[in-house]
N, C-alpha and C. Protein backbone atom coordinates (compact mmCIF):
# COMPACT_ATOMS: atom_id res chain seq x y z
N UNK A 1 5.90 8.45 7.79
CA UNK A 1 6.86 7.55 8.41
C UNK A 1 6.27 7.11 9.75
N UNK A 2 5.86 5.87 9.85
CA UNK A 2 5.15 5.40 11.03
C UNK A 2 6.05 5.10 12.22
N UNK A 3 7.32 4.87 12.00
CA UNK A 3 8.20 4.55 13.12
C UNK A 3 8.98 5.77 13.61
N UNK A 4 8.53 6.95 13.25
CA UNK A 4 9.18 8.20 13.66
C UNK A 4 8.54 8.71 14.95
N UNK A 5 9.36 8.98 15.97
CA UNK A 5 8.86 9.49 17.24
C UNK A 5 9.57 10.79 17.58
N UNK A 6 8.79 11.79 17.96
CA UNK A 6 9.36 13.06 18.41
C UNK A 6 9.65 12.92 19.89
N UNK A 7 10.86 13.31 20.28
CA UNK A 7 11.29 13.23 21.67
C UNK A 7 11.23 14.63 22.27
N UNK A 8 10.63 14.74 23.46
CA UNK A 8 10.53 16.03 24.12
C UNK A 8 10.61 15.82 25.63
N UNK A 9 11.30 16.72 26.31
CA UNK A 9 11.40 16.66 27.76
C UNK A 9 11.46 18.06 28.34
N UNK A 10 10.81 18.28 29.48
CA UNK A 10 10.92 19.57 30.16
C UNK A 10 12.28 19.75 30.84
N UNK A 11 13.09 18.69 30.85
CA UNK A 11 14.41 18.74 31.48
C UNK A 11 15.49 19.32 30.58
N UNK A 12 15.09 19.72 29.39
CA UNK A 12 15.98 20.41 28.44
C UNK A 12 15.23 21.64 27.95
N UNK A 13 15.96 22.63 27.44
CA UNK A 13 15.29 23.85 26.96
C UNK A 13 14.29 23.56 25.85
N UNK A 14 13.21 24.34 25.85
CA UNK A 14 12.25 24.26 24.76
C UNK A 14 12.92 24.70 23.48
N UNK A 15 12.45 24.19 22.37
CA UNK A 15 12.97 24.61 21.07
C UNK A 15 12.73 26.11 20.88
N UNK A 16 13.72 26.80 20.31
CA UNK A 16 13.57 28.24 20.06
C UNK A 16 13.27 28.50 18.59
N UNK A 17 12.82 27.46 17.90
CA UNK A 17 12.48 27.56 16.49
C UNK A 17 11.60 26.39 16.11
N UNK A 18 11.34 26.23 14.82
CA UNK A 18 10.48 25.14 14.36
C UNK A 18 11.24 23.82 14.22
N UNK A 19 11.56 23.23 15.36
CA UNK A 19 12.26 21.94 15.37
C UNK A 19 11.92 21.20 16.65
N UNK A 20 12.24 19.92 16.69
CA UNK A 20 12.02 19.07 17.87
C UNK A 20 13.33 18.95 18.64
N UNK A 21 13.24 18.66 19.92
CA UNK A 21 14.46 18.42 20.70
C UNK A 21 15.22 17.22 20.13
N UNK A 22 14.47 16.22 19.70
CA UNK A 22 15.08 15.05 19.06
C UNK A 22 14.01 14.30 18.28
N UNK A 23 14.47 13.47 17.35
CA UNK A 23 13.59 12.60 16.59
C UNK A 23 14.23 11.21 16.59
N UNK A 24 13.40 10.22 16.88
CA UNK A 24 13.86 8.83 16.92
C UNK A 24 13.20 8.04 15.80
N UNK A 25 14.02 7.33 15.04
CA UNK A 25 13.53 6.42 14.01
C UNK A 25 14.23 5.10 14.24
N UNK A 26 13.46 4.09 14.56
CA UNK A 26 14.07 2.81 14.89
C UNK A 26 14.92 2.97 16.14
N UNK A 27 16.17 2.56 16.05
CA UNK A 27 17.07 2.67 17.20
C UNK A 27 18.03 3.85 17.08
N UNK A 28 17.78 4.74 16.12
CA UNK A 28 18.64 5.92 15.94
C UNK A 28 17.90 7.16 16.40
N UNK A 29 18.61 8.01 17.16
CA UNK A 29 18.03 9.25 17.67
C UNK A 29 18.91 10.40 17.24
N UNK A 30 18.29 11.40 16.60
CA UNK A 30 18.99 12.61 16.19
C UNK A 30 18.62 13.71 17.18
N UNK A 31 19.60 14.17 17.96
CA UNK A 31 19.38 15.24 18.93
C UNK A 31 19.70 16.57 18.28
N UNK A 32 18.75 17.50 18.36
CA UNK A 32 18.99 18.85 17.83
C UNK A 32 20.10 19.53 18.61
N UNK A 33 20.71 20.52 17.98
CA UNK A 33 21.76 21.27 18.64
C UNK A 33 21.25 21.93 19.91
N UNK A 34 22.07 21.86 20.94
CA UNK A 34 21.75 22.50 22.22
C UNK A 34 22.74 23.64 22.45
N UNK A 35 22.21 24.72 22.98
CA UNK A 35 23.04 25.85 23.39
C UNK A 35 22.92 25.98 24.91
N UNK A 36 23.72 26.82 25.55
CA UNK A 36 23.72 26.87 27.02
C UNK A 36 22.53 27.61 27.64
N UNK A 37 21.34 27.06 27.39
CA UNK A 37 20.11 27.57 28.00
C UNK A 37 19.74 26.69 29.18
N UNK A 38 19.28 27.31 30.25
CA UNK A 38 18.82 26.57 31.43
C UNK A 38 17.35 26.18 31.21
N UNK A 39 17.03 24.88 31.31
CA UNK A 39 15.63 24.47 31.14
C UNK A 39 14.73 25.20 32.14
N UNK A 40 13.52 25.44 31.75
CA UNK A 40 12.57 26.11 32.65
C UNK A 40 12.65 27.62 32.58
N UNK A 41 13.82 28.17 32.90
CA UNK A 41 13.96 29.63 32.90
C UNK A 41 14.38 30.17 31.54
N UNK A 42 14.98 29.30 30.73
CA UNK A 42 15.53 29.69 29.41
C UNK A 42 16.60 30.77 29.56
N UNK A 43 17.22 30.84 30.74
CA UNK A 43 18.32 31.77 31.00
C UNK A 43 19.57 31.25 30.29
N UNK A 44 20.32 32.17 29.67
CA UNK A 44 21.57 31.80 29.01
C UNK A 44 22.71 31.78 30.01
N UNK A 45 23.52 30.74 29.94
CA UNK A 45 24.78 30.72 30.68
C UNK A 45 25.78 31.45 29.80
N UNK A 46 26.41 32.47 30.31
CA UNK A 46 27.38 33.25 29.54
C UNK A 46 28.73 33.23 30.23
N UNK A 47 29.71 33.79 29.58
CA UNK A 47 31.04 33.87 30.19
C UNK A 47 31.87 32.64 29.93
N UNK A 48 32.32 32.01 30.99
CA UNK A 48 33.23 30.87 30.96
C UNK A 48 32.75 29.77 30.00
N UNK A 49 33.59 29.41 29.04
CA UNK A 49 33.21 28.40 28.04
C UNK A 49 32.96 27.05 28.67
N UNK A 50 33.68 26.72 29.74
CA UNK A 50 33.43 25.42 30.37
C UNK A 50 32.06 25.38 31.02
N UNK A 51 31.63 26.47 31.64
CA UNK A 51 30.28 26.52 32.22
C UNK A 51 29.24 26.39 31.12
N UNK A 52 29.46 27.06 30.00
CA UNK A 52 28.53 26.97 28.88
C UNK A 52 28.48 25.53 28.35
N UNK A 53 29.64 24.93 28.16
CA UNK A 53 29.70 23.57 27.63
C UNK A 53 29.03 22.58 28.57
N UNK A 54 29.23 22.75 29.88
CA UNK A 54 28.58 21.84 30.83
C UNK A 54 27.05 21.92 30.70
N UNK A 55 26.52 23.13 30.56
CA UNK A 55 25.07 23.26 30.41
C UNK A 55 24.60 22.60 29.12
N UNK A 56 25.36 22.79 28.06
CA UNK A 56 25.02 22.16 26.78
C UNK A 56 24.98 20.64 26.92
N UNK A 57 26.00 20.06 27.54
CA UNK A 57 26.03 18.60 27.68
C UNK A 57 24.97 18.11 28.66
N UNK A 58 24.63 18.89 29.70
CA UNK A 58 23.50 18.52 30.58
C UNK A 58 22.21 18.49 29.77
N UNK A 59 22.02 19.48 28.90
CA UNK A 59 20.82 19.52 28.06
C UNK A 59 20.76 18.31 27.14
N UNK A 60 21.87 18.00 26.50
CA UNK A 60 21.92 16.84 25.60
C UNK A 60 21.63 15.55 26.37
N UNK A 61 22.19 15.43 27.58
CA UNK A 61 21.98 14.23 28.40
C UNK A 61 20.50 14.08 28.74
N UNK A 62 19.81 15.18 29.04
CA UNK A 62 18.39 15.12 29.37
C UNK A 62 17.57 14.64 28.18
N UNK A 63 17.89 15.12 26.99
CA UNK A 63 17.17 14.69 25.79
C UNK A 63 17.49 13.22 25.50
N UNK A 64 18.75 12.84 25.64
CA UNK A 64 19.14 11.44 25.41
C UNK A 64 18.38 10.51 26.36
N UNK A 65 18.25 10.93 27.61
CA UNK A 65 17.53 10.12 28.59
C UNK A 65 16.05 10.01 28.20
N UNK A 66 15.46 11.10 27.76
CA UNK A 66 14.06 11.08 27.32
C UNK A 66 13.86 10.15 26.13
N UNK A 67 14.92 9.94 25.36
CA UNK A 67 14.86 9.05 24.19
C UNK A 67 15.13 7.60 24.56
N UNK A 68 15.39 7.34 25.85
CA UNK A 68 15.63 5.97 26.28
C UNK A 68 17.09 5.58 26.29
N UNK A 69 17.98 6.56 26.25
CA UNK A 69 19.41 6.26 26.26
C UNK A 69 20.17 7.21 27.14
N UNK A 70 21.39 7.43 26.77
CA UNK A 70 22.27 8.35 27.47
C UNK A 70 23.36 8.81 26.53
N UNK A 71 24.19 9.71 26.98
CA UNK A 71 25.25 10.20 26.11
C UNK A 71 26.25 9.12 25.73
N UNK A 72 26.34 8.05 26.52
CA UNK A 72 27.23 6.95 26.14
C UNK A 72 26.69 6.17 24.94
N UNK A 73 25.46 6.46 24.53
CA UNK A 73 24.91 5.87 23.31
C UNK A 73 25.24 6.71 22.09
N UNK A 74 25.94 7.84 22.28
CA UNK A 74 26.28 8.71 21.15
C UNK A 74 27.25 8.00 20.21
N UNK A 75 26.93 8.08 18.92
CA UNK A 75 27.83 7.55 17.90
C UNK A 75 28.47 8.68 17.11
N UNK A 76 27.88 9.88 17.18
CA UNK A 76 28.43 11.05 16.48
C UNK A 76 28.04 12.30 17.25
N UNK A 77 29.02 13.17 17.44
CA UNK A 77 28.82 14.48 18.09
C UNK A 77 29.32 15.54 17.12
N UNK A 78 28.55 16.59 16.95
CA UNK A 78 28.97 17.74 16.15
C UNK A 78 29.00 18.95 17.06
N UNK A 79 30.16 19.60 17.14
CA UNK A 79 30.35 20.77 17.98
C UNK A 79 30.62 21.98 17.09
N UNK A 80 29.90 23.06 17.36
CA UNK A 80 30.16 24.33 16.68
C UNK A 80 30.62 25.33 17.73
N UNK A 81 31.76 25.96 17.46
CA UNK A 81 32.32 26.97 18.36
C UNK A 81 32.51 28.27 17.60
N UNK A 82 32.33 29.39 18.27
CA UNK A 82 32.62 30.66 17.62
C UNK A 82 34.09 31.02 17.76
N UNK A 83 34.82 30.29 18.62
CA UNK A 83 36.25 30.53 18.81
C UNK A 83 36.95 29.19 18.98
N UNK A 84 37.75 28.80 18.01
CA UNK A 84 38.45 27.52 18.09
C UNK A 84 39.47 27.51 19.22
N UNK A 85 39.76 28.67 19.79
CA UNK A 85 40.61 28.73 20.97
C UNK A 85 39.98 28.05 22.18
N UNK A 86 38.66 27.77 22.11
CA UNK A 86 37.95 27.09 23.20
C UNK A 86 38.00 25.56 23.06
N UNK A 87 38.65 25.07 22.02
CA UNK A 87 38.68 23.65 21.70
C UNK A 87 39.12 22.78 22.90
N UNK A 88 40.24 23.10 23.53
CA UNK A 88 40.77 22.28 24.63
C UNK A 88 39.82 22.29 25.83
N UNK A 89 39.26 23.45 26.15
CA UNK A 89 38.34 23.54 27.28
C UNK A 89 37.08 22.71 27.04
N UNK A 90 36.58 22.73 25.82
CA UNK A 90 35.39 21.94 25.49
C UNK A 90 35.72 20.45 25.51
N UNK A 91 36.90 20.06 25.05
CA UNK A 91 37.32 18.66 25.14
C UNK A 91 37.30 18.18 26.58
N UNK A 92 37.80 19.01 27.49
CA UNK A 92 37.82 18.67 28.92
C UNK A 92 36.41 18.39 29.43
N UNK A 93 35.48 19.27 29.09
CA UNK A 93 34.10 19.12 29.54
C UNK A 93 33.46 17.89 28.90
N UNK A 94 33.69 17.69 27.62
CA UNK A 94 33.11 16.54 26.93
C UNK A 94 33.55 15.25 27.62
N UNK A 95 34.81 15.17 28.05
CA UNK A 95 35.32 13.98 28.73
C UNK A 95 34.65 13.76 30.09
N UNK A 96 34.05 14.80 30.67
CA UNK A 96 33.30 14.64 31.92
C UNK A 96 31.97 13.93 31.68
N UNK A 97 31.43 14.04 30.47
CA UNK A 97 30.09 13.53 30.17
C UNK A 97 30.08 12.25 29.35
N UNK A 98 31.17 11.92 28.69
CA UNK A 98 31.24 10.73 27.86
C UNK A 98 32.42 9.88 28.28
N UNK A 99 32.27 8.57 28.08
CA UNK A 99 33.33 7.63 28.42
C UNK A 99 33.86 6.98 27.14
N UNK A 100 35.11 6.52 27.21
CA UNK A 100 35.69 5.77 26.10
C UNK A 100 34.96 4.45 25.97
N UNK A 101 34.77 3.92 24.80
CA UNK A 101 35.21 4.50 23.54
C UNK A 101 34.31 5.68 23.14
N UNK A 102 34.94 6.77 22.78
CA UNK A 102 34.21 8.00 22.46
C UNK A 102 33.56 7.90 21.08
N UNK A 103 32.50 8.69 20.87
CA UNK A 103 31.85 8.70 19.56
C UNK A 103 32.71 9.42 18.53
N UNK A 104 32.36 9.23 17.28
CA UNK A 104 32.96 10.04 16.23
C UNK A 104 32.56 11.49 16.49
N UNK A 105 33.37 12.45 16.00
CA UNK A 105 33.07 13.83 16.31
C UNK A 105 33.62 14.77 15.25
N UNK A 106 32.93 15.88 15.07
CA UNK A 106 33.43 16.99 14.28
C UNK A 106 33.35 18.22 15.16
N UNK A 107 34.31 19.11 15.01
CA UNK A 107 34.30 20.38 15.73
C UNK A 107 34.70 21.45 14.74
N UNK A 108 33.82 22.43 14.54
CA UNK A 108 34.08 23.47 13.56
C UNK A 108 33.90 24.84 14.19
N UNK A 109 34.60 25.80 13.62
CA UNK A 109 34.42 27.19 14.03
C UNK A 109 33.40 27.82 13.09
N UNK A 110 32.46 28.55 13.67
CA UNK A 110 31.42 29.22 12.90
C UNK A 110 31.44 30.72 13.22
N UNK A 111 30.86 31.50 12.35
CA UNK A 111 30.85 32.95 12.53
C UNK A 111 29.95 33.38 13.68
N UNK A 112 28.82 32.70 13.84
CA UNK A 112 27.87 33.08 14.88
C UNK A 112 26.94 31.91 15.17
N UNK A 113 26.34 31.94 16.37
CA UNK A 113 25.38 30.93 16.78
C UNK A 113 24.14 31.62 17.34
N UNK A 114 23.02 30.89 17.47
CA UNK A 114 21.81 31.50 17.99
C UNK A 114 22.03 32.17 19.35
N UNK A 115 21.37 33.29 19.54
CA UNK A 115 21.42 34.06 20.78
C UNK A 115 22.82 34.54 21.14
N UNK A 116 23.75 34.51 20.18
CA UNK A 116 25.10 35.01 20.41
C UNK A 116 25.95 34.12 21.30
N UNK A 117 25.59 32.84 21.46
CA UNK A 117 26.35 31.94 22.32
C UNK A 117 27.66 31.52 21.65
N UNK A 118 28.53 30.92 22.44
CA UNK A 118 29.85 30.51 21.95
C UNK A 118 29.91 29.05 21.52
N UNK A 119 28.86 28.26 21.87
CA UNK A 119 28.91 26.82 21.60
C UNK A 119 27.52 26.28 21.32
N UNK A 120 27.46 25.33 20.39
CA UNK A 120 26.26 24.53 20.13
C UNK A 120 26.73 23.12 19.83
N UNK A 121 26.03 22.12 20.40
CA UNK A 121 26.41 20.73 20.20
C UNK A 121 25.16 19.92 19.83
N UNK A 122 25.31 19.06 18.84
CA UNK A 122 24.25 18.14 18.45
C UNK A 122 24.81 16.72 18.50
N UNK A 123 23.94 15.73 18.53
CA UNK A 123 24.41 14.35 18.64
C UNK A 123 23.49 13.39 17.92
N UNK A 124 24.05 12.25 17.57
CA UNK A 124 23.30 11.12 17.03
C UNK A 124 23.55 9.95 17.98
N UNK A 125 22.46 9.31 18.41
CA UNK A 125 22.56 8.17 19.33
C UNK A 125 22.11 6.89 18.64
N UNK A 126 22.65 5.78 19.09
CA UNK A 126 22.15 4.45 18.74
C UNK A 126 21.69 3.82 20.05
N UNK A 127 20.37 3.66 20.20
CA UNK A 127 19.82 3.14 21.47
C UNK A 127 19.16 1.79 21.27
């Protein structure tokens, strides 16, 4: 696929597995799921779900910027939570990072996430 570009930035955490931070094909960018890791140190943000969610959305924003866009270019967001009781708090944080009209979204509860975190978010952008 000649129009496929791998997106990478030091402003987001390095991949912790065999995947890219994002892949761009044409004007569509698929951002891999981000967890609350601090770029550079790879330190996990733990505790308060809003603090975790803010780090996740900062990470996504950094990858989106490296792809030539921003979170306002998101057309689809997928959120995985280990506790659906965190739904309202995550909505609050998401509204800090995205503006109306909001992208389509799914939010699901999962049994576990990498490194034992409470949240992972992935996105699709149209840039």
